[in-house]
Amino acid sequence: MSDLLGRLRGGLIVSVQAWKGSALDDPHVIAAMARAAKDGGAVAVRVQGVECLRAVRARIDLPIVGLIKREYAGFAPYITPTLEEVAAIVAAAQARGVFREEVTPEFAAQAFYGCIEQVLTGWIFEDGPVSQADLEHAKTLIVTTICTGLEIPRH
């Protein structure tokens, strides 16, 4: 994970998305735009939707920041707002062999949200990470733990 963060640090992460229903709203078009971003020097891409994630992964080998956008009546958050969307992203990564299969997507989603909830609760009640540096450190710990687990990597 630290190798990945090192490759991303200081580089350009390009958001490759299209408005729903627009002429560019097609996984093949998004994949072509992701390839153009890579050719232009991007170190990673940000892609919305499972089908676009699959299409982009088939076309480029850069890291992908995956998200799922959904609108829910009376609910403001718009990016990856529920456990089901996080589980879908984890399942897609497992299918590619990036994440371990013995951890279910549902459990990984719950663990991710549980970590976030604890950090936010600590921040709100000033009983945990409160500075920007503290929050950045907590974010790194959450992502590292969820994506790589607690085991020491074997070389």
C-alpha atoms as a PDB file:
ATOM      1  CA  MET A   1       0.000   0.000   0.000  1.00  0.00           C
ATOM      2  CA  SER A   2       2.820   2.453   0.793  1.00  0.00           C
ATOM      3  CA  ASP A   3       4.230   1.728  -2.690  1.00  0.00           C
ATOM      4  CA  LEU A   4       0.858   2.679  -4.196  1.00  0.00           C
ATOM      5  CA  LEU A   5       0.627   5.859  -2.127  1.00  0.00           C
ATOM      6  CA  GLY A   6       4.171   6.748  -3.175  1.00  0.00           C
ATOM      7  CA  ARG A   7       3.283   6.375  -6.862  1.00  0.00           C
ATOM      8  CA  LEU A   8       0.194   8.549  -6.404  1.00  0.00           C
ATOM      9  CA  ARG A   9       1.788  11.290  -4.282  1.00  0.00           C
ATOM     10  CA  GLY A  10       2.233  14.459  -6.311  1.00  0.00           C
ATOM     11  CA  GLY A  11       0.678  12.948  -9.430  1.00  0.00           C
ATOM     12  CA  LEU A  12      -2.515  13.788 -11.260  1.00  0.00           C
ATOM     13  CA  ILE A  13      -5.628  11.693 -10.577  1.00  0.00           C
ATOM     14  CA  VAL A  14      -8.062  12.352 -13.411  1.00  0.00           C
ATOM     15  CA  SER A  15     -11.813  12.134 -12.862  1.00  0.00           C
ATOM     16  CA  VAL A  16     -13.223  10.305 -15.892  1.00  0.00           C
ATOM     17  CA  GLN A  17     -17.001  10.578 -15.697  1.00  0.00           C
ATOM     18  CA  ALA A  18     -19.984  11.616 -17.767  1.00  0.00           C
ATOM     19  CA  TRP A  19     -23.374  13.033 -16.876  1.00  0.00           C
ATOM     20  CA  LYS A  20     -26.017  10.330 -16.882  1.00  0.00           C
ATOM     21  CA  GLY A  21     -27.699  10.221 -20.279  1.00  0.00           C
ATOM     22  CA  SER A  22     -25.071  12.370 -22.006  1.00  0.00           C
ATOM     23  CA  ALA A  23     -23.379  11.382 -25.266  1.00  0.00           C
ATOM     24  CA  LEU A  24     -20.310  10.289 -23.269  1.00  0.00           C
ATOM     25  CA  ASP A  25     -22.294   8.078 -20.857  1.00  0.00           C
ATOM     26  CA  ASP A  26     -21.002   4.761 -22.178  1.00  0.00           C
ATOM     27  CA  PRO A  27     -18.475   2.428 -20.500  1.00  0.00           C
ATOM     28  CA  HIS A  28     -16.455   2.121 -23.736  1.00  0.00           C
ATOM     29  CA  VAL A  29     -16.218   5.906 -24.088  1.00  0.00           C
ATOM     30  CA  ILE A  30     -15.244   6.276 -20.429  1.00  0.00           C
ATOM     31  CA  ALA A  31     -12.564   3.590 -20.912  1.00  0.00           C
ATOM     32  CA  ALA A  32     -11.216   5.451 -23.954  1.00  0.00           C
ATOM     33  CA  MET A  33     -11.094   8.711 -21.961  1.00  0.00           C
ATOM     34  CA  ALA A  34      -9.287   6.882 -19.135  1.00  0.00           C
ATOM     35  CA  ARG A  35      -6.726   5.638 -21.671  1.00  0.00           C
ATOM     36  CA  ALA A  36      -6.282   9.200 -22.909  1.00  0.00           C
ATOM     37  CA  ALA A  37      -5.761  10.342 -19.315  1.00  0.00           C
ATOM     38  CA  LYS A  38      -3.109   7.649 -18.845  1.00  0.00           C
ATOM     39  CA  ASP A  39      -1.422   8.623 -22.111  1.00  0.00           C
ATOM     40  CA  GLY A  40      -1.434  12.222 -20.868  1.00  0.00           C
ATOM     41  CA  GLY A  41       0.419  11.314 -17.679  1.00  0.00           C
ATOM     42  CA  ALA A  42      -2.282  10.570 -15.110  1.00  0.00           C
ATOM     43  CA  VAL A  43      -1.124   8.389 -12.193  1.00  0.00           C
ATOM     44  CA  ALA A  44      -4.687   7.156 -11.493  1.00  0.00           C
ATOM     45  CA  VAL A  45      -8.256   7.710 -12.618  1.00  0.00           C
ATOM     46  CA  ARG A  46     -11.520   8.243 -10.773  1.00  0.00           C
ATOM     47  CA  VAL A  47     -14.405   6.322 -12.329  1.00  0.00           C
ATOM     48  CA  GLN A  48     -18.104   6.093 -11.483  1.00  0.00           C
ATOM     49  CA  GLY A  49     -20.218   2.937 -11.742  1.00  0.00           C
ATOM     50  CA  VAL A  50     -19.435  -0.778 -11.748  1.00  0.00           C
ATOM     51  CA  GLU A  51     -19.769  -1.188 -15.543  1.00  0.00           C
ATOM     52  CA  CYS A  52     -17.418   1.721 -16.185  1.00  0.00           C
ATOM     53  CA  LEU A  53     -15.001   0.364 -13.560  1.00  0.00           C
ATOM     54  CA  ARG A  54     -14.906  -2.956 -15.417  1.00  0.00           C
ATOM     55  CA  ALA A  55     -14.458  -1.314 -18.816  1.00  0.00           C
ATOM     56  CA  VAL A  56     -11.676   0.960 -17.589  1.00  0.00           C
ATOM     57  CA  ARG A  57      -9.871  -1.889 -15.815  1.00  0.00           C
ATOM     58  CA  ALA A  58      -9.895  -3.896 -19.044  1.00  0.00           C
ATOM     59  CA  ARG A  59      -8.274  -0.970 -20.878  1.00  0.00           C
ATOM     60  CA  ILE A  60      -5.660   0.466 -18.471  1.00  0.00           C
ATOM     61  CA  ASP A  61      -3.436  -0.736 -15.655  1.00  0.00           C
ATOM     62  CA  LEU A  62      -3.461   2.437 -13.534  1.00  0.00           C
ATOM     63  CA  PRO A  63      -4.972   2.534 -10.039  1.00  0.00           C
ATOM     64  CA  ILE A  64      -8.693   3.315 -10.144  1.00  0.00           C
ATOM     65  CA  VAL A  65     -10.606   5.242  -7.498  1.00  0.00           C
ATOM     66  CA  GLY A  66     -14.057   3.698  -7.842  1.00  0.00           C
ATOM     67  CA  LEU A  67     -17.266   5.328  -6.743  1.00  0.00           C
ATOM     68  CA  ILE A  68     -20.962   4.851  -7.219  1.00  0.00           C
ATOM     69  CA  LYS A  69     -23.365   7.776  -7.370  1.00  0.00           C
ATOM     70  CA  ARG A  70     -26.969   7.337  -6.336  1.00  0.00           C
ATOM     71  CA  GLU A  71     -29.731   9.787  -5.545  1.00  0.00           C
ATOM     72  CA  TYR A  72     -32.049   9.041  -2.629  1.00  0.00           C
ATOM     73  CA  ALA A  73     -35.053  11.197  -1.805  1.00  0.00           C
ATOM     74  CA  GLY A  74     -34.378  13.365   1.239  1.00  0.00           C
ATOM     75  CA  PHE A  75     -30.728  12.335   1.472  1.00  0.00           C
ATOM     76  CA  ALA A  76     -27.981  14.762   0.438  1.00  0.00           C
ATOM     77  CA  PRO A  77     -24.879  12.515   0.069  1.00  0.00           C
ATOM     78  CA  TYR A  78     -24.450  11.539  -3.534  1.00  0.00           C
ATOM     79  CA  ILE A  79     -21.218   9.534  -3.742  1.00  0.00           C
ATOM     80  CA  THR A  80     -21.158   5.879  -2.595  1.00  0.00           C
ATOM     81  CA  PRO A  81     -23.745   6.460   0.150  1.00  0.00           C
ATOM     82  CA  THR A  82     -24.722   2.931   1.194  1.00  0.00           C
ATOM     83  CA  LEU A  83     -23.177  -0.353   2.252  1.00  0.00           C
ATOM     84  CA  GLU A  84     -24.467  -2.024  -0.921  1.00  0.00           C
ATOM     85  CA  GLU A  85     -22.460   0.287  -3.184  1.00  0.00           C
ATOM     86  CA  VAL A  86     -19.259  -0.193  -1.170  1.00  0.00           C
ATOM     87  CA  ALA A  87     -19.821  -3.982  -1.241  1.00  0.00           C
ATOM     88  CA  ALA A  88     -20.246  -3.849  -5.051  1.00  0.00           C
ATOM     89  CA  ILE A  89     -16.892  -2.077  -5.413  1.00  0.00           C
ATOM     90  CA  VAL A  90     -15.203  -4.613  -3.113  1.00  0.00           C
ATOM     91  CA  ALA A  91     -16.747  -7.511  -5.073  1.00  0.00           C
ATOM     92  CA  ALA A  92     -15.444  -6.043  -8.346  1.00  0.00           C
ATOM     93  CA  ALA A  93     -11.944  -5.781  -6.851  1.00  0.00           C
ATOM     94  CA  GLN A  94     -12.168  -9.358  -5.565  1.00  0.00           C
ATOM     95  CA  ALA A  95     -13.155 -10.572  -9.028  1.00  0.00           C
ATOM     96  CA  ARG A  96      -9.936  -8.992 -10.339  1.00  0.00           C
ATOM     97  CA  GLY A  97      -7.873 -10.625  -7.597  1.00  0.00           C
ATOM     98  CA  VAL A  98      -6.999  -7.321  -5.910  1.00  0.00           C
ATOM     99  CA  PHE A  99      -8.799  -8.011  -2.610  1.00  0.00           C
ATOM    100  CA  ARG A 100      -8.790 -11.274  -0.676  1.00  0.00           C
ATOM    101  CA  GLU A 101     -11.839 -13.470  -1.283  1.00  0.00           C
ATOM    102  CA  GLU A 102     -12.172 -14.797   2.275  1.00  0.00           C
ATOM    103  CA  VAL A 103     -13.474 -11.409   3.453  1.00  0.00           C
ATOM    104  CA  THR A 104     -17.007 -10.957   2.170  1.00  0.00           C
ATOM    105  CA  PRO A 105     -17.855  -7.692   0.386  1.00  0.00           C
ATOM    106  CA  GLU A 106     -20.619  -7.071   2.927  1.00  0.00           C
ATOM    107  CA  PHE A 107     -18.212  -7.398   5.870  1.00  0.00           C
ATOM    108  CA  ALA A 108     -15.621  -5.163   4.195  1.00  0.00           C
ATOM    109  CA  ALA A 109     -18.316  -2.510   3.616  1.00  0.00           C
ATOM    110  CA  GLN A 110     -19.414  -2.690   7.257  1.00  0.00           C
ATOM    111  CA  ALA A 111     -15.800  -2.473   8.472  1.00  0.00           C
ATOM    112  CA  PHE A 112     -15.167   0.551   6.247  1.00  0.00           C
ATOM    113  CA  TYR A 113     -18.274   2.377   7.455  1.00  0.00           C
ATOM    114  CA  GLY A 114     -17.566   1.425  11.077  1.00  0.00           C
ATOM    115  CA  CYS A 115     -14.100   2.964  10.885  1.00  0.00           C
ATOM    116  CA  ILE A 116     -15.425   6.132   9.279  1.00  0.00           C
ATOM    117  CA  GLU A 117     -18.204   6.402  11.877  1.00  0.00           C
ATOM    118  CA  GLN A 118     -15.719   6.160  14.747  1.00  0.00           C
ATOM    119  CA  VAL A 119     -13.436   8.832  13.290  1.00  0.00           C
ATOM    120  CA  LEU A 120     -16.363  11.187  12.624  1.00  0.00           C
ATOM    121  CA  THR A 121     -17.846  10.618  16.080  1.00  0.00           C
ATOM    122  CA  GLY A 122     -14.478  11.393  17.649  1.00  0.00           C
ATOM    123  CA  TRP A 123     -14.194  14.525  15.540  1.00  0.00           C
ATOM    124  CA  ILE A 124     -17.723  15.749  16.358  1.00  0.00           C
ATOM    125  CA  PHE A 125     -17.297  15.233  20.108  1.00  0.00           C
ATOM    126  CA  GLU A 126     -13.618  16.277  20.045  1.00  0.00           C
ATOM    127  CA  ASP A 127     -12.717  12.890  21.472  1.00  0.00           C
ATOM    128  CA  GLY A 128     -10.503  11.695  18.640  1.00  0.00           C
ATOM    129  CA  PRO A 129      -8.719  13.041  15.574  1.00  0.00           C
ATOM    130  CA  VAL A 130      -9.557  16.740  15.351  1.00  0.00           C
ATOM    131  CA  SER A 131      -6.830  18.464  13.343  1.00  0.00           C
ATOM    132  CA  GLN A 132      -6.558  18.160   9.583  1.00  0.00           C
ATOM    133  CA  ALA A 133      -3.314  16.190  10.019  1.00  0.00           C
ATOM    134  CA  ASP A 134      -5.064  13.822  12.484  1.00  0.00           C
ATOM    135  CA  LEU A 135      -7.919  13.255  10.047  1.00  0.00           C
ATOM    136  CA  GLU A 136      -5.509  12.626   7.155  1.00  0.00           C
ATOM    137  CA  HIS A 137      -3.612  10.115   9.290  1.00  0.00           C
ATOM    138  CA  ALA A 138      -6.871   8.377  10.276  1.00  0.00           C
ATOM    139  CA  LYS A 139      -7.917   8.248   6.600  1.00  0.00           C
ATOM    140  CA  THR A 140      -4.612   6.615   5.650  1.00  0.00           C
ATOM    141  CA  LEU A 141      -4.955   4.062   8.450  1.00  0.00           C
ATOM    142  CA  ILE A 142      -8.530   3.197   7.434  1.00  0.00           C
ATOM    143  CA  VAL A 143      -7.687   2.738   3.751  1.00  0.00           C
ATOM    144  CA  THR A 144      -4.527   0.759   4.510  1.00  0.00           C
ATOM    145  CA  THR A 145      -6.288  -1.537   6.976  1.00  0.00           C
ATOM    146  CA  ILE A 146      -9.339  -2.145   4.805  1.00  0.00           C
ATOM    147  CA  CYS A 147      -7.343  -2.680   1.596  1.00  0.00           C
ATOM    148  CA  THR A 148      -4.372  -4.640   2.926  1.00  0.00           C
ATOM    149  CA  GLY A 149      -5.467  -6.079   6.259  1.00  0.00           C
ATOM    150  CA  LEU A 150      -3.350  -6.308   9.369  1.00  0.00           C
ATOM    151  CA  GLU A 151      -0.909  -8.972   8.233  1.00  0.00           C
ATOM    152  CA  ILE A 152       2.704  -8.010   7.572  1.00  0.00           C
ATOM    153  CA  PRO A 153       3.356  -8.292   3.820  1.00  0.00           C
ATOM    154  CA  ARG A 154       5.612 -11.227   2.922  1.00  0.00           C
ATOM    155  CA  HIS A 155       8.217 -10.629   0.282  1.00  0.00           C
END
